[in-house]
C-alpha atoms as a PDB file:
ATOM      1  CA  MET A   1      76.083  79.117  33.036  1.00  0.00           C
ATOM      2  CA  LEU A   2      75.248  75.879  34.779  1.00  0.00           C
ATOM      3  CA  THR A   3      74.073  72.826  32.894  1.00  0.00           C
ATOM      4  CA  ASP A   4      70.877  71.067  33.934  1.00  0.00           C
ATOM      5  CA  ASN A   5      72.991  68.207  35.313  1.00  0.00           C
ATOM      6  CA  GLU A   6      75.108  70.620  37.390  1.00  0.00           C
ATOM      7  CA  LYS A   7      71.948  72.265  38.756  1.00  0.00           C
ATOM      8  CA  LYS A   8      70.591  68.834  39.716  1.00  0.00           C
ATOM      9  CA  ILE A   9      73.832  67.890  41.482  1.00  0.00           C
ATOM     10  CA  ILE A  10      73.868  71.203  43.393  1.00  0.00           C
ATOM     11  CA  ASP A  11      70.231  70.753  44.463  1.00  0.00           C
ATOM     12  CA  GLU A  12      71.023  67.230  45.696  1.00  0.00           C
ATOM     13  CA  LYS A  13      74.094  68.423  47.621  1.00  0.00           C
ATOM     14  CA  ILE A  14      72.192  71.329  49.200  1.00  0.00           C
ATOM     15  CA  GLY A  15      69.474  68.878  50.277  1.00  0.00           C
ATOM     16  CA  TYR A  16      72.113  66.602  51.793  1.00  0.00           C
ATOM     17  CA  ILE A  17      73.723  69.548  53.617  1.00  0.00           C
ATOM     18  CA  LYS A  18      70.355  70.614  55.093  1.00  0.00           C
ATOM     19  CA  LYS A  19      69.587  67.049  56.170  1.00  0.00           C
ATOM     20  CA  THR A  20      73.035  66.614  57.709  1.00  0.00           C
ATOM     21  CA  ILE A  21      72.929  69.864  59.700  1.00  0.00           C
ATOM     22  CA  LYS A  22      69.425  69.120  60.990  1.00  0.00           C
ATOM     23  CA  GLY A  23      70.512  65.591  61.941  1.00  0.00           C
ATOM     24  CA  LEU A  24      73.672  66.497  63.859  1.00  0.00           C
ATOM     25  CA  GLN A  25      73.556  64.881  67.267  1.00  0.00           C
ATOM     26  CA  ASN A  26      75.402  66.288  70.268  1.00  0.00           C
ATOM     27  CA  TYR A  27      76.331  69.384  68.267  1.00  0.00           C
ATOM     28  CA  GLU A  28      76.174  72.510  70.411  1.00  0.00           C
ATOM     29  CA  ASN A  29      74.658  74.961  67.932  1.00  0.00           C
ATOM     30  CA  PRO A  30      73.598  73.795  64.438  1.00  0.00           C
ATOM     31  CA  CYS A  31      72.206  77.278  63.664  1.00  0.00           C
ATOM     32  CA  LYS A  32      75.677  78.751  64.272  1.00  0.00           C
ATOM     33  CA  LEU A  33      77.081  76.191  61.826  1.00  0.00           C
ATOM     34  CA  ALA A  34      74.495  77.216  59.219  1.00  0.00           C
ATOM     35  CA  ASP A  35      75.437  80.864  59.857  1.00  0.00           C
ATOM     36  CA  GLU A  36      79.132  80.069  59.320  1.00  0.00           C
ATOM     37  CA  ILE A  37      78.333  78.244  56.057  1.00  0.00           C
ATOM     38  CA  ASP A  38      76.343  81.294  54.947  1.00  0.00           C
ATOM     39  CA  LYS A  39      79.276  83.618  55.754  1.00  0.00           C
ATOM     40  CA  TRP A  40      81.662  81.322  53.908  1.00  0.00           C
ATOM     41  CA  LEU A  41      79.425  81.279  50.810  1.00  0.00           C
ATOM     42  CA  TYR A  42      79.082  85.074  50.942  1.00  0.00           C
ATOM     43  CA  GLU A  43      82.874  85.425  51.015  1.00  0.00           C
ATOM     44  CA  LEU A  44      83.311  82.925  48.178  1.00  0.00           C
ATOM     45  CA  ALA A  45      80.710  84.770  46.090  1.00  0.00           C
ATOM     46  CA  TYR A  46      82.493  88.063  46.775  1.00  0.00           C
ATOM     47  CA  PHE A  47      85.822  86.536  45.780  1.00  0.00           C
ATOM     48  CA  TYR A  48      84.660  84.789  42.598  1.00  0.00           C
ATOM     49  CA  ASN A  49      82.089  87.378  41.481  1.00  0.00           C
ATOM     50  CA  LYS A  50      83.897  90.614  42.375  1.00  0.00           C
ATOM     51  CA  LEU A  51      87.630  90.015  42.691  1.00  0.00           C
ATOM     52  CA  VAL A  52      88.315  87.357  40.058  1.00  0.00           C
ATOM     53  CA  LYS A  53      88.074  88.789  36.579  1.00  0.00           C
ATOM     54  CA  LYS A  54      87.058  86.733  33.533  1.00  0.00           C
ATOM     55  CA  GLY A  55      89.969  84.554  32.425  1.00  0.00           C
ATOM     56  CA  GLN A  56      92.012  85.342  35.568  1.00  0.00           C
ATOM     57  CA  ASN A  57      93.623  82.558  37.589  1.00  0.00           C
ATOM     58  CA  PRO A  58      91.942  82.743  41.045  1.00  0.00           C
ATOM     59  CA  SER A  59      95.170  81.675  42.792  1.00  0.00           C
ATOM     60  CA  GLU A  60      96.808  84.847  41.459  1.00  0.00           C
ATOM     61  CA  VAL A  61      94.140  87.241  42.762  1.00  0.00           C
ATOM     62  CA  ILE A  62      95.546  89.582  45.389  1.00  0.00           C
ATOM     63  CA  TYR A  63      93.254  91.098  47.987  1.00  0.00           C
ATOM     64  CA  ASN A  64      94.381  94.311  49.616  1.00  0.00           C
ATOM     65  CA  LEU A  65      93.121  95.622  52.912  1.00  0.00           C
ATOM     66  CA  PRO A  66      92.978  99.388  53.289  1.00  0.00           C
ATOM     67  CA  PRO A  67      96.044 100.443  55.342  1.00  0.00           C
ATOM     68  CA  SER A  68      93.786 101.719  58.138  1.00  0.00           C
ATOM     69  CA  GLU A  69      92.291  98.212  58.532  1.00  0.00           C
ATOM     70  CA  ARG A  70      95.463  96.202  58.013  1.00  0.00           C
ATOM     71  CA  PRO A  71      96.805  94.649  61.239  1.00  0.00           C
ATOM     72  CA  LYS A  72     100.551  94.691  61.749  1.00  0.00           C
ATOM     73  CA  GLU A  73     103.041  92.111  62.967  1.00  0.00           C
ATOM     74  CA  GLY A  74     102.999  91.981  66.740  1.00  0.00           C
ATOM     75  CA  GLN A  75      99.325  92.945  67.033  1.00  0.00           C
ATOM     76  CA  ILE A  76      96.320  90.742  67.591  1.00  0.00           C
ATOM     77  CA  ALA A  77      93.612  90.897  64.952  1.00  0.00           C
ATOM     78  CA  TYR A  78      90.095  89.548  64.654  1.00  0.00           C
ATOM     79  CA  ILE A  79      90.282  86.712  62.122  1.00  0.00           C
ATOM     80  CA  ASN A  80      87.674  84.369  60.671  1.00  0.00           C
ATOM     81  CA  LEU A  81      89.288  80.940  60.943  1.00  0.00           C
ATOM     82  CA  ARG A  82      86.236  79.037  59.631  1.00  0.00           C
ATOM     83  CA  ARG A  83      84.497  76.172  61.316  1.00  0.00           C
ATOM     84  CA  GLY A  84      86.731  73.472  62.784  1.00  0.00           C
ATOM     85  CA  TYR A  85      86.671  70.615  65.217  1.00  0.00           C
ATOM     86  CA  PRO A  86      86.029  71.337  68.916  1.00  0.00           C
ATOM     87  CA  LYS A  87      89.674  70.942  69.939  1.00  0.00           C
ATOM     88  CA  GLU A  88      90.765  73.458  67.279  1.00  0.00           C
ATOM     89  CA  THR A  89      90.386  77.196  67.484  1.00  0.00           C
ATOM     90  CA  PHE A  90      87.679  78.049  64.953  1.00  0.00           C
ATOM     91  CA  ASP A  91      85.187  80.698  63.807  1.00  0.00           C
ATOM     92  CA  ASP A  92      86.074  84.337  64.562  1.00  0.00           C
ATOM     93  CA  HIS A  93      88.972  84.697  66.986  1.00  0.00           C
ATOM     94  CA  TRP A  94      91.604  87.137  68.041  1.00  0.00           C
ATOM     95  CA  CYS A  95      94.923  85.992  66.612  1.00  0.00           C
ATOM     96  CA  TYR A  96      98.476  87.181  67.095  1.00  0.00           C
ATOM     97  CA  ILE A  97     100.163  88.271  63.854  1.00  0.00           C
ATOM     98  CA  LEU A  98     103.498  86.480  63.997  1.00  0.00           C
ATOM     99  CA  LYS A  99     104.569  87.302  60.430  1.00  0.00           C
ATOM    100  CA  ASP A 100     103.183  89.453  57.607  1.00  0.00           C
ATOM    101  CA  TYR A 101     103.875  88.029  54.139  1.00  0.00           C
ATOM    102  CA  GLY A 102     102.005  90.748  52.262  1.00  0.00           C
ATOM    103  CA  THR A 103      98.984  88.750  51.111  1.00  0.00           C
ATOM    104  CA  LYS A 104      99.122  86.233  53.945  1.00  0.00           C
ATOM    105  CA  TYR A 105      99.767  86.219  57.667  1.00  0.00           C
ATOM    106  CA  LEU A 106     101.297  83.576  59.896  1.00  0.00           C
ATOM    107  CA  ILE A 107      99.076  83.711  62.954  1.00  0.00           C
ATOM    108  CA  ILE A 108      98.784  82.238  66.420  1.00  0.00           C
ATOM    109  CA  PRO A 109      95.123  82.018  67.482  1.00  0.00           C
ATOM    110  CA  THR A 110      94.292  83.182  70.983  1.00  0.00           C
ATOM    111  CA  THR A 111      91.591  82.295  73.436  1.00  0.00           C
ATOM    112  CA  SER A 112      90.174  84.470  76.180  1.00  0.00           C
ATOM    113  CA  ILE A 113      91.254  83.977  79.758  1.00  0.00           C
ATOM    114  CA  LYS A 114      88.189  83.812  81.978  1.00  0.00           C
ATOM    115  CA  ALA A 115      87.762  83.330  85.707  1.00  0.00           C
ATOM    116  CA  ASP A 116      87.044  79.620  85.142  1.00  0.00           C
ATOM    117  CA  SER A 117      89.868  79.079  82.616  1.00  0.00           C
ATOM    118  CA  GLY A 118      92.408  76.488  83.579  1.00  0.00           C
ATOM    119  CA  GLU A 119      96.053  77.250  84.113  1.00  0.00           C
ATOM    120  CA  CYS A 120      98.186  78.062  81.089  1.00  0.00           C
ATOM    121  CA  ASN A 121      99.712  74.846  79.701  1.00  0.00           C
ATOM    122  CA  SER A 122     103.324  75.818  79.024  1.00  0.00           C
ATOM    123  CA  LEU A 123     103.701  72.915  76.568  1.00  0.00           C
ATOM    124  CA  TYR A 124     101.594  74.775  73.982  1.00  0.00           C
ATOM    125  CA  GLU A 125     100.170  77.993  75.452  1.00  0.00           C
ATOM    126  CA  MET A 126     101.386  81.407  76.541  1.00  0.00           C
ATOM    127  CA  ASP A 127      99.452  84.140  78.312  1.00  0.00           C
ATOM    128  CA  ILE A 128      99.969  87.638  76.953  1.00  0.00           C
ATOM    129  CA  ILE A 129      98.922  91.119  77.984  1.00  0.00           C
ATOM    130  CA  ASP A 130      97.216  93.147  75.263  1.00  0.00           C
ATOM    131  CA  LYS A 131      95.117  96.248  74.802  1.00  0.00           C
ATOM    132  CA  THR A 132      91.823  94.429  74.147  1.00  0.00           C
ATOM    133  CA  PRO A 133      88.993  95.287  76.554  1.00  0.00           C
ATOM    134  CA  ALA A 134      89.802  92.069  78.480  1.00  0.00           C
ATOM    135  CA  GLY A 135      93.467  93.054  78.638  1.00  0.00           C
ATOM    136  CA  LYS A 136      94.843  89.557  78.234  1.00  0.00           C
ATOM    137  CA  SER A 137      94.748  86.555  75.912  1.00  0.00           C
ATOM    138  CA  ARG A 138      96.167  83.055  75.695  1.00  0.00           C
ATOM    139  CA  LEU A 139      98.226  82.137  72.637  1.00  0.00           C
ATOM    140  CA  GLN A 140      97.410  78.664  71.284  1.00  0.00           C
ATOM    141  CA  PHE A 141     100.642  77.529  69.606  1.00  0.00           C
ATOM    142  CA  THR A 142      99.113  74.193  68.539  1.00  0.00           C
ATOM    143  CA  ASP A 143      96.733  76.089  66.228  1.00  0.00           C
ATOM    144  CA  ILE A 144      99.327  78.142  64.348  1.00  0.00           C
ATOM    145  CA  ARG A 145      98.480  78.549  60.674  1.00  0.00           C
ATOM    146  CA  SER A 146      98.917  80.688  57.622  1.00  0.00           C
ATOM    147  CA  ILE A 147      95.878  82.638  56.452  1.00  0.00           C
ATOM    148  CA  ASP A 148      95.016  84.895  53.545  1.00  0.00           C
ATOM    149  CA  ILE A 149      94.499  88.496  54.632  1.00  0.00           C
ATOM    150  CA  MET A 150      90.919  88.189  53.351  1.00  0.00           C
ATOM    151  CA  ARG A 151      90.184  86.391  56.632  1.00  0.00           C
ATOM    152  CA  VAL A 152      90.678  89.615  58.626  1.00  0.00           C
ATOM    153  CA  CYS A 153      87.222  90.600  59.896  1.00  0.00           C
ATOM    154  CA  ARG A 154      86.505  94.085  58.621  1.00  0.00           C
ATOM    155  CA  SER A 155      83.106  94.245  60.327  1.00  0.00           C
ATOM    156  CA  VAL A 156      84.648  94.479  63.802  1.00  0.00           C
ATOM    157  CA  HIS A 157      86.044  97.850  64.875  1.00  0.00           C
ATOM    158  CA  PRO A 158      88.702  98.048  65.929  1.00  0.00           C
ATOM    159  CA  ASN A 159      89.796  94.844  64.216  1.00  0.00           C
ATOM    160  CA  SER A 160      93.248  94.863  65.812  1.00  0.00           C
ATOM    161  CA  TYR A 161      94.905  95.766  69.117  1.00  0.00           C
ATOM    162  CA  ASP A 162      98.461  96.274  70.258  1.00  0.00           C
ATOM    163  CA  VAL A 163     100.131  93.659  72.422  1.00  0.00           C
ATOM    164  CA  ILE A 164     101.987  94.784  75.537  1.00  0.00           C
ATOM    165  CA  THR A 165     103.901  91.534  76.111  1.00  0.00           C
ATOM    166  CA  ASP A 166     107.383  91.871  74.625  1.00  0.00           C
ATOM    167  CA  ARG A 167     107.421  90.513  71.053  1.00  0.00           C
ATOM    168  CA  ASN A 168     110.844  88.949  71.671  1.00  0.00           C
ATOM    169  CA  ASP A 169     109.337  86.831  74.468  1.00  0.00           C
ATOM    170  CA  ILE A 170     106.587  85.606  72.125  1.00  0.00           C
ATOM    171  CA  ILE A 171     109.083  84.808  69.358  1.00  0.00           C
ATOM    172  CA  GLN A 172     111.323  82.989  71.844  1.00  0.00           C
ATOM    173  CA  LYS A 173     108.350  80.898  73.030  1.00  0.00           C
ATOM    174  CA  PHE A 174     107.492  80.151  69.377  1.00  0.00           C
ATOM    175  CA  GLN A 175     111.065  79.024  68.736  1.00  0.00           C
ATOM    176  CA  ASP A 176     111.144  76.916  71.889  1.00  0.00           C
ATOM    177  CA  LEU A 177     107.816  75.203  71.192  1.00  0.00           C
ATOM    178  CA  ILE A 178     107.824  74.901  67.420  1.00  0.00           C
ATOM    179  CA  LEU A 179     111.367  75.077  66.106  1.00  0.00           C
ATOM    180  CA  THR A 180     113.412  73.345  68.807  1.00  0.00           C
ATOM    181  CA  GLN A 181     114.024  69.660  68.258  1.00  0.00           C
ATOM    182  CA  GLU A 182     113.829  67.318  71.199  1.00  0.00           C
ATOM    183  CA  LYS A 183     117.124  65.818  72.267  1.00  0.00           C
END
């Protein structure tokens, strides 16, 4: 139960958040930002109200995806990355599952390749062929991260696709870009 002081602080913070979103200048879509905050709060409420049991340490809560909805290493999956800065891959994106750690994935976000997309920058990107409707994606190695499997979007079906590009080629590119030291 919240104290009166905690309620007051929350009301003040919510007011500040509303004012800040409405006052964003040069921001492409403030309503999309509000939608992402709403999704994030929904997921937090689900986690803390449904998954975490009274007296349980939240960092020890394990979320399990049904096997039929659990993407595998070497596939791309639709992942909610949360809101980020414009030069980061953010929101919902297809991501390559580089490694499955059980409760977490190591992922490489992808971007779509459109007619007006620039050339692939071999310093940090790799184009792959996949079985998505578009048939191709661009791996963004500069946005690699580890995510909890709770970030897999279960509302999108299918939420994963196979990748045709040889996994060994992707792993080699990862090693060359991320693990190789400059001489």
